[in-house]
PDB file of all heavy atoms in Angstrom:
ATOM      1  N   ALA A   1    -179.819 -68.997  42.263  1.00  0.00           N
ATOM      2  CA  ALA A   1    -179.046 -68.142  41.388  1.00  0.00           C
ATOM      3  C   ALA A   1    -177.899 -67.491  42.119  1.00  0.00           C
ATOM      4  O   ALA A   1    -177.768 -67.583  43.324  1.00  0.00           O
ATOM      5  CB  ALA A   1    -179.962 -67.066  40.773  1.00  0.00           C
ATOM      6  N   ALA A   2    -177.069 -66.808  41.365  1.00  0.00           N
ATOM      7  CA  ALA A   2    -175.863 -66.207  41.910  1.00  0.00           C
ATOM      8  C   ALA A   2    -176.183 -65.107  42.897  1.00  0.00           C
ATOM      9  O   ALA A   2    -177.254 -64.503  42.857  1.00  0.00           O
ATOM     10  CB  ALA A   2    -175.030 -65.656  40.759  1.00  0.00           C
ATOM     11  N   PRO A   3    -175.249 -64.817  43.838  1.00  0.00           N
ATOM     12  CA  PRO A   3    -175.476 -63.766  44.809  1.00  0.00           C
ATOM     13  C   PRO A   3    -175.614 -62.408  44.164  1.00  0.00           C
ATOM     14  O   PRO A   3    -175.259 -62.205  43.006  1.00  0.00           O
ATOM     15  CB  PRO A   3    -174.212 -63.845  45.688  1.00  0.00           C
ATOM     16  CG  PRO A   3    -173.197 -64.544  44.864  1.00  0.00           C
ATOM     17  CD  PRO A   3    -173.958 -65.471  43.987  1.00  0.00           C
ATOM     18  N   ALA A   4    -176.113 -61.448  44.963  1.00  0.00           N
ATOM     19  CA  ALA A   4    -176.457 -60.139  44.419  1.00  0.00           C
ATOM     20  C   ALA A   4    -175.284 -59.447  43.756  1.00  0.00           C
ATOM     21  O   ALA A   4    -175.436 -58.792  42.736  1.00  0.00           O
ATOM     22  CB  ALA A   4    -177.023 -59.247  45.538  1.00  0.00           C
ATOM     23  N   GLN A   5    -174.073 -59.551  44.326  1.00  0.00           N
ATOM     24  CA  GLN A   5    -172.952 -58.847  43.748  1.00  0.00           C
ATOM     25  C   GLN A   5    -172.587 -59.404  42.377  1.00  0.00           C
ATOM     26  O   GLN A   5    -171.964 -58.719  41.573  1.00  0.00           O
ATOM     27  CB  GLN A   5    -171.725 -58.861  44.659  1.00  0.00           C
ATOM     28  CG  GLN A   5    -171.094 -60.229  44.876  1.00  0.00           C
ATOM     29  CD  GLN A   5    -171.709 -60.972  46.034  1.00  0.00           C
ATOM     30  OE1 GLN A   5    -172.833 -60.728  46.427  1.00  0.00           O
ATOM     31  NE2 GLN A   5    -170.962 -61.891  46.618  1.00  0.00           N
ATOM     32  N   ALA A   6    -173.001 -60.640  42.090  1.00  0.00           N
ATOM     33  CA  ALA A   6    -172.751 -61.194  40.772  1.00  0.00           C
ATOM     34  C   ALA A   6    -173.624 -60.540  39.718  1.00  0.00           C
ATOM     35  O   ALA A   6    -173.367 -60.651  38.539  1.00  0.00           O
ATOM     36  CB  ALA A   6    -173.019 -62.701  40.788  1.00  0.00           C
ATOM     37  N   GLN A   7    -174.663 -59.848  40.139  1.00  0.00           N
ATOM     38  CA  GLN A   7    -175.599 -59.223  39.229  1.00  0.00           C
ATOM     39  C   GLN A   7    -175.545 -57.712  39.294  1.00  0.00           C
ATOM     40  O   GLN A   7    -176.241 -57.019  38.552  1.00  0.00           O
ATOM     41  CB  GLN A   7    -177.017 -59.686  39.545  1.00  0.00           C
ATOM     42  CG  GLN A   7    -177.122 -61.195  39.547  1.00  0.00           C
ATOM     43  CD  GLN A   7    -178.328 -61.685  40.289  1.00  0.00           C
ATOM     44  OE1 GLN A   7    -179.421 -61.252  40.036  1.00  0.00           O
ATOM     45  NE2 GLN A   7    -178.133 -62.601  41.213  1.00  0.00           N
ATOM     46  N   GLY A   8    -174.722 -57.196  40.166  1.00  0.00           N
ATOM     47  CA  GLY A   8    -174.692 -55.749  40.329  1.00  0.00           C
ATOM     48  C   GLY A   8    -174.236 -55.022  39.094  1.00  0.00           C
ATOM     49  O   GLY A   8    -174.718 -53.943  38.781  1.00  0.00           O
ATOM     50  N   GLY A   9    -173.264 -55.581  38.361  1.00  0.00           N
ATOM     51  CA  GLY A   9    -172.791 -54.957  37.154  1.00  0.00           C
ATOM     52  C   GLY A   9    -173.359 -55.648  35.952  1.00  0.00           C
ATOM     53  O   GLY A   9    -172.673 -56.345  35.245  1.00  0.00           O
ATOM     54  N   ASP A  10    -174.674 -55.485  35.711  1.00  0.00           N
ATOM     55  CA  ASP A  10    -175.316 -56.274  34.666  1.00  0.00           C
ATOM     56  C   ASP A  10    -175.236 -55.563  33.324  1.00  0.00           C
ATOM     57  O   ASP A  10    -176.228 -55.289  32.681  1.00  0.00           O
ATOM     58  CB  ASP A  10    -176.770 -56.593  35.029  1.00  0.00           C
ATOM     59  CG  ASP A  10    -177.607 -55.341  35.244  1.00  0.00           C
ATOM     60  OD1 ASP A  10    -177.028 -54.251  35.405  1.00  0.00           O
ATOM     61  OD2 ASP A  10    -178.833 -55.452  35.236  1.00  0.00           O
ATOM     62  N   GLY A  11    -173.987 -55.296  32.871  1.00  0.00           N
ATOM     63  CA  GLY A  11    -173.825 -54.740  31.537  1.00  0.00           C
ATOM     64  C   GLY A  11    -174.364 -55.730  30.525  1.00  0.00           C
ATOM     65  O   GLY A  11    -174.026 -56.894  30.550  1.00  0.00           O
ATOM     66  N   GLU A  12    -175.214 -55.285  29.630  1.00  0.00           N
ATOM     67  CA  GLU A  12    -175.904 -56.196  28.725  1.00  0.00           C
ATOM     68  C   GLU A  12    -175.566 -55.878  27.280  1.00  0.00           C
ATOM     69  O   GLU A  12    -175.684 -54.756  26.827  1.00  0.00           O
ATOM     70  CB  GLU A  12    -177.421 -56.076  28.919  1.00  0.00           C
ATOM     71  CG  GLU A  12    -177.867 -56.438  30.320  1.00  0.00           C
ATOM     72  CD  GLU A  12    -179.316 -56.066  30.564  1.00  0.00           C
ATOM     73  OE1 GLU A  12    -179.928 -55.479  29.656  1.00  0.00           O
ATOM     74  OE2 GLU A  12    -179.829 -56.363  31.642  1.00  0.00           O
ATOM     75  N   SER A  13    -175.124 -56.861  26.537  1.00  0.00           N
ATOM     76  CA  SER A  13    -175.012 -56.754  25.098  1.00  0.00           C
ATOM     77  C   SER A  13    -176.128 -57.604  24.506  1.00  0.00           C
ATOM     78  O   SER A  13    -176.155 -58.815  24.678  1.00  0.00           O
ATOM     79  CB  SER A  13    -173.630 -57.230  24.618  1.00  0.00           C
ATOM     80  OG  SER A  13    -173.335 -58.517  25.092  1.00  0.00           O
ATOM     81  N   GLU A  14    -177.076 -56.972  23.872  1.00  0.00           N
ATOM     82  CA  GLU A  14    -178.324 -57.617  23.515  1.00  0.00           C
ATOM     83  C   GLU A  14    -178.288 -58.201  22.106  1.00  0.00           C
ATOM     84  O   GLU A  14    -177.629 -57.685  21.215  1.00  0.00           O
ATOM     85  CB  GLU A  14    -179.492 -56.617  23.589  1.00  0.00           C
ATOM     86  CG  GLU A  14    -179.594 -55.886  24.909  1.00  0.00           C
ATOM     87  CD  GLU A  14    -180.094 -56.783  26.018  1.00  0.00           C
ATOM     88  OE1 GLU A  14    -180.376 -57.953  25.746  1.00  0.00           O
ATOM     89  OE2 GLU A  14    -180.207 -56.293  27.143  1.00  0.00           O
ATOM     90  N   MET A  15    -179.042 -59.283  21.912  1.00  0.00           N
ATOM     91  CA  MET A  15    -179.303 -59.795  20.574  1.00  0.00           C
ATOM     92  C   MET A  15    -180.137 -58.763  19.829  1.00  0.00           C
ATOM     93  O   MET A  15    -181.153 -58.285  20.339  1.00  0.00           O
ATOM     94  CB  MET A  15    -180.082 -61.112  20.656  1.00  0.00           C
ATOM     95  CG  MET A  15    -180.650 -61.597  19.322  1.00  0.00           C
ATOM     96  SD  MET A  15    -179.400 -62.130  18.172  1.00  0.00           S
ATOM     97  CE  MET A  15    -179.136 -63.820  18.742  1.00  0.00           C
ATOM     98  N   PRO A  16    -179.742 -58.323  18.621  1.00  0.00           N
ATOM     99  CA  PRO A  16    -180.530 -57.366  17.886  1.00  0.00           C
ATOM    100  C   PRO A  16    -181.962 -57.843  17.687  1.00  0.00           C
ATOM    101  O   PRO A  16    -182.209 -58.984  17.324  1.00  0.00           O
ATOM    102  CB  PRO A  16    -179.803 -57.262  16.528  1.00  0.00           C
ATOM    103  CG  PRO A  16    -178.398 -57.672  16.834  1.00  0.00           C
ATOM    104  CD  PRO A  16    -178.507 -58.693  17.914  1.00  0.00           C
ATOM    105  N   ALA A  17    -182.919 -56.967  17.957  1.00  0.00           N
ATOM    106  CA  ALA A  17    -184.336 -57.343  17.869  1.00  0.00           C
ATOM    107  C   ALA A  17    -184.816 -57.287  16.427  1.00  0.00           C
ATOM    108  O   ALA A  17    -184.330 -56.528  15.606  1.00  0.00           O
ATOM    109  CB  ALA A  17    -185.169 -56.386  18.736  1.00  0.00           C
ATOM    110  N   ASP A  18    -185.816 -58.111  16.125  1.00  0.00           N
ATOM    111  CA  ASP A  18    -186.459 -58.052  14.816  1.00  0.00           C
ATOM    112  C   ASP A  18    -187.373 -56.849  14.769  1.00  0.00           C
ATOM    113  O   ASP A  18    -187.924 -56.404  15.789  1.00  0.00           O
ATOM    114  CB  ASP A  18    -187.277 -59.324  14.577  1.00  0.00           C
ATOM    115  CG  ASP A  18    -186.375 -60.547  14.413  1.00  0.00           C
ATOM    116  OD1 ASP A  18    -185.242 -60.369  13.914  1.00  0.00           O
ATOM    117  OD2 ASP A  18    -186.821 -61.653  14.777  1.00  0.00           O
ATOM    118  N   SER A  19    -187.590 -56.319  13.582  1.00  0.00           N
ATOM    119  CA  SER A  19    -188.450 -55.157  13.447  1.00  0.00           C
ATOM    120  C   SER A  19    -189.922 -55.514  13.580  1.00  0.00           C
ATOM    121  O   SER A  19    -190.737 -54.712  14.018  1.00  0.00           O
ATOM    122  CB  SER A  19    -188.212 -54.484  12.085  1.00  0.00           C
ATOM    123  OG  SER A  19    -188.437 -55.413  11.036  1.00  0.00           O
ATOM    124  N   ALA A  20    -190.305 -56.739  13.229  1.00  0.00           N
ATOM    125  CA  ALA A  20    -191.700 -57.149  13.343  1.00  0.00           C
ATOM    126  C   ALA A  20    -192.051 -57.413  14.799  1.00  0.00           C
ATOM    127  O   ALA A  20    -191.235 -57.925  15.561  1.00  0.00           O
ATOM    128  CB  ALA A  20    -191.933 -58.418  12.510  1.00  0.00           C
ATOM    129  N   PRO A  21    -193.313 -57.074  15.199  1.00  0.00           N
ATOM    130  CA  PRO A  21    -193.702 -57.234  16.603  1.00  0.00           C
ATOM    131  C   PRO A  21    -194.088 -58.649  16.963  1.00  0.00           C
ATOM    132  O   PRO A  21    -195.148 -58.907  17.510  1.00  0.00           O
ATOM    133  CB  PRO A  21    -194.893 -56.276  16.722  1.00  0.00           C
ATOM    134  CG  PRO A  21    -195.529 -56.302  15.370  1.00  0.00           C
ATOM    135  CD  PRO A  21    -194.365 -56.441  14.403  1.00  0.00           C
ATOM    136  N   ASP A  22    -193.248 -59.630  16.611  1.00  0.00           N
ATOM    137  CA  ASP A  22    -193.500 -61.011  16.975  1.00  0.00           C
ATOM    138  C   ASP A  22    -192.896 -61.295  18.336  1.00  0.00           C
ATOM    139  O   ASP A  22    -192.015 -60.589  18.806  1.00  0.00           O
ATOM    140  CB  ASP A  22    -192.913 -61.962  15.931  1.00  0.00           C
ATOM    141  CG  ASP A  22    -193.562 -61.808  14.553  1.00  0.00           C
ATOM    142  OD1 ASP A  22    -194.766 -61.507  14.518  1.00  0.00           O
ATOM    143  OD2 ASP A  22    -192.855 -61.967  13.554  1.00  0.00           O
ATOM    144  N   VAL A  23    -193.369 -62.374  18.936  1.00  0.00           N
ATOM    145  CA  VAL A  23    -192.779 -62.800  20.201  1.00  0.00           C
ATOM    146  C   VAL A  23    -191.423 -63.439  19.936  1.00  0.00           C
ATOM    147  O   VAL A  23    -191.292 -64.329  19.103  1.00  0.00           O
ATOM    148  CB  VAL A  23    -193.707 -63.810  20.914  1.00  0.00           C
ATOM    149  CG1 VAL A  23    -193.019 -64.330  22.184  1.00  0.00           C
ATOM    150  CG2 VAL A  23    -195.036 -63.164  21.259  1.00  0.00           C
ATOM    151  N   THR A  24    -190.404 -62.967  20.620  1.00  0.00           N
ATOM    152  CA  THR A  24    -189.072 -63.545  20.533  1.00  0.00           C
ATOM    153  C   THR A  24    -188.613 -63.909  21.946  1.00  0.00           C
ATOM    154  O   THR A  24    -189.030 -63.275  22.913  1.00  0.00           O
ATOM    155  CB  THR A  24    -188.059 -62.595  19.879  1.00  0.00           C
ATOM    156  OG1 THR A  24    -187.934 -61.416  20.678  1.00  0.00           O
ATOM    157  CG2 THR A  24    -188.484 -62.222  18.475  1.00  0.00           C
ATOM    158  N   ALA A  25    -187.759 -64.898  22.042  1.00  0.00           N
ATOM    159  CA  ALA A  25    -187.269 -65.324  23.347  1.00  0.00           C
ATOM    160  C   ALA A  25    -185.820 -65.778  23.236  1.00  0.00           C
ATOM    161  O   ALA A  25    -185.388 -66.276  22.189  1.00  0.00           O
ATOM    162  CB  ALA A  25    -188.138 -66.452  23.914  1.00  0.00           C
ATOM    163  N   ARG A  26    -185.076 -65.593  24.310  1.00  0.00           N
ATOM    164  CA  ARG A  26    -183.682 -66.008  24.377  1.00  0.00           C
ATOM    165  C   ARG A  26    -183.385 -66.493  25.781  1.00  0.00           C
ATOM    166  O   ARG A  26    -183.830 -65.898  26.763  1.00  0.00           O
ATOM    167  CB  ARG A  26    -182.764 -64.849  24.018  1.00  0.00           C
ATOM    168  CG  ARG A  26    -181.270 -65.200  23.998  1.00  0.00           C
ATOM    169  CD  ARG A  26    -180.445 -63.963  23.639  1.00  0.00           C
ATOM    170  NE  ARG A  26    -180.427 -63.020  24.736  1.00  0.00           N
ATOM    171  CZ  ARG A  26    -179.364 -62.807  25.534  1.00  0.00           C
ATOM    172  NH1 ARG A  26    -178.246 -63.501  25.352  1.00  0.00           N
ATOM    173  NH2 ARG A  26    -179.411 -61.915  26.499  1.00  0.00           N
ATOM    174  N   VAL A  27    -182.637 -67.581  25.903  1.00  0.00           N
ATOM    175  CA  VAL A  27    -182.212 -68.076  27.207  1.00  0.00           C
ATOM    176  C   VAL A  27    -180.704 -68.235  27.199  1.00  0.00           C
ATOM    177  O   VAL A  27    -180.109 -68.560  26.155  1.00  0.00           O
ATOM    178  CB  VAL A  27    -182.884 -69.411  27.581  1.00  0.00           C
ATOM    179  CG1 VAL A  27    -184.384 -69.240  27.728  1.00  0.00           C
ATOM    180  CG2 VAL A  27    -182.575 -70.478  26.543  1.00  0.00           C
ATOM    181  N   VAL A  28    -180.079 -67.983  28.345  1.00  0.00           N
ATOM    182  CA  VAL A  28    -178.656 -68.177  28.525  1.00  0.00           C
ATOM    183  C   VAL A  28    -178.466 -69.008  29.772  1.00  0.00           C
ATOM    184  O   VAL A  28    -178.995 -68.677  30.843  1.00  0.00           O
ATOM    185  CB  VAL A  28    -177.897 -66.829  28.670  1.00  0.00           C
ATOM    186  CG1 VAL A  28    -176.416 -67.094  28.960  1.00  0.00           C
ATOM    187  CG2 VAL A  28    -178.053 -65.987  27.418  1.00  0.00           C
ATOM    188  N   LEU A  29    -177.725 -70.089  29.663  1.00  0.00           N
ATOM    189  CA  LEU A  29    -177.381 -70.916  30.808  1.00  0.00           C
ATOM    190  C   LEU A  29    -175.886 -70.881  30.988  1.00  0.00           C
ATOM    191  O   LEU A  29    -175.122 -71.147  30.048  1.00  0.00           O
ATOM    192  CB  LEU A  29    -177.868 -72.357  30.583  1.00  0.00           C
ATOM    193  CG  LEU A  29    -179.369 -72.553  30.442  1.00  0.00           C
ATOM    194  CD1 LEU A  29    -179.697 -74.021  30.181  1.00  0.00           C
ATOM    195  CD2 LEU A  29    -180.105 -72.056  31.673  1.00  0.00           C
ATOM    196  N   GLY A  30    -175.454 -70.526  32.203  1.00  0.00           N
ATOM    197  CA  GLY A  30    -174.029 -70.414  32.455  1.00  0.00           C
ATOM    198  C   GLY A  30    -173.742 -70.403  33.933  1.00  0.00           C
ATOM    199  O   GLY A  30    -174.507 -70.920  34.742  1.00  0.00           O
ATOM    200  N   GLY A  31    -172.624 -69.811  34.269  1.00  0.00           N
ATOM    201  CA  GLY A  31    -172.227 -69.737  35.659  1.00  0.00           C
ATOM    202  C   GLY A  31    -171.399 -68.512  35.935  1.00  0.00           C
ATOM    203  O   GLY A  31    -170.922 -67.835  35.015  1.00  0.00           O
ATOM    204  N   VAL A  32    -171.260 -68.188  37.219  1.00  0.00           N
ATOM    205  CA  VAL A  32    -170.457 -67.052  37.637  1.00  0.00           C
ATOM    206  C   VAL A  32    -169.453 -67.496  38.695  1.00  0.00           C
ATOM    207  O   VAL A  32    -169.701 -68.426  39.473  1.00  0.00           O
ATOM    208  CB  VAL A  32    -171.309 -65.896  38.215  1.00  0.00           C
ATOM    209  CG1 VAL A  32    -172.192 -65.283  37.161  1.00  0.00           C
ATOM    210  CG2 VAL A  32    -172.132 -66.378  39.408  1.00  0.00           C
ATOM    211  N   TRP A  33    -168.324 -66.842  38.687  1.00  0.00           N
ATOM    212  CA  TRP A  33    -167.316 -66.969  39.743  1.00  0.00           C
ATOM    213  C   TRP A  33    -167.367 -65.658  40.489  1.00  0.00           C
ATOM    214  O   TRP A  33    -167.009 -64.608  39.947  1.00  0.00           O
ATOM    215  CB  TRP A  33    -165.961 -67.240  39.119  1.00  0.00           C
ATOM    216  CG  TRP A  33    -164.844 -67.451  40.101  1.00  0.00           C
ATOM    217  CD1 TRP A  33    -164.621 -68.540  40.878  1.00  0.00           C
ATOM    218  CD2 TRP A  33    -163.767 -66.532  40.395  1.00  0.00           C
ATOM    219  NE1 TRP A  33    -163.476 -68.380  41.649  1.00  0.00           N
ATOM    220  CE2 TRP A  33    -162.930 -67.147  41.359  1.00  0.00           C
ATOM    221  CE3 TRP A  33    -163.436 -65.253  39.922  1.00  0.00           C
ATOM    222  CZ2 TRP A  33    -161.796 -66.520  41.853  1.00  0.00           C
ATOM    223  CZ3 TRP A  33    -162.295 -64.633  40.415  1.00  0.00           C
ATOM    224  CH2 TRP A  33    -161.494 -65.265  41.380  1.00  0.00           C
ATOM    225  N   ALA A  34    -167.864 -65.686  41.738  1.00  0.00           N
ATOM    226  CA  ALA A  34    -168.165 -64.458  42.452  1.00  0.00           C
ATOM    227  C   ALA A  34    -167.850 -64.598  43.929  1.00  0.00           C
ATOM    228  O   ALA A  34    -167.778 -65.730  44.460  1.00  0.00           O
ATOM    229  CB  ALA A  34    -169.651 -64.096  42.280  1.00  0.00           C
ATOM    230  N   PRO A  35    -167.662 -63.489  44.655  1.00  0.00           N
ATOM    231  CA  PRO A  35    -167.487 -63.553  46.121  1.00  0.00           C
ATOM    232  C   PRO A  35    -168.663 -64.268  46.775  1.00  0.00           C
ATOM    233  O   PRO A  35    -169.805 -64.152  46.302  1.00  0.00           O
ATOM    234  CB  PRO A  35    -167.425 -62.081  46.520  1.00  0.00           C
ATOM    235  CG  PRO A  35    -166.944 -61.370  45.299  1.00  0.00           C
ATOM    236  CD  PRO A  35    -167.568 -62.096  44.150  1.00  0.00           C
ATOM    237  N   ASP A  36    -168.398 -65.027  47.863  1.00  0.00           N
ATOM    238  CA  ASP A  36    -169.485 -65.785  48.496  1.00  0.00           C
ATOM    239  C   ASP A  36    -170.384 -64.915  49.368  1.00  0.00           C
ATOM    240  O   ASP A  36    -171.412 -65.389  49.861  1.00  0.00           O
ATOM    241  CB  ASP A  36    -168.941 -66.996  49.272  1.00  0.00           C
ATOM    242  CG  ASP A  36    -168.003 -66.624  50.399  1.00  0.00           C
ATOM    243  OD1 ASP A  36    -167.704 -65.428  50.582  1.00  0.00           O
ATOM    244  OD2 ASP A  36    -167.544 -67.550  51.112  1.00  0.00           O
TER     245      ASP A  36
END
């Protein structure tokens, strides 16, 4: 995975959750351009 500084600013915009207590899951596959 990406280096630590790529994750230091982990501002998150979340998928709105369902009101029912069911199991939900989300995956994101991507990449970062970050200092080495």
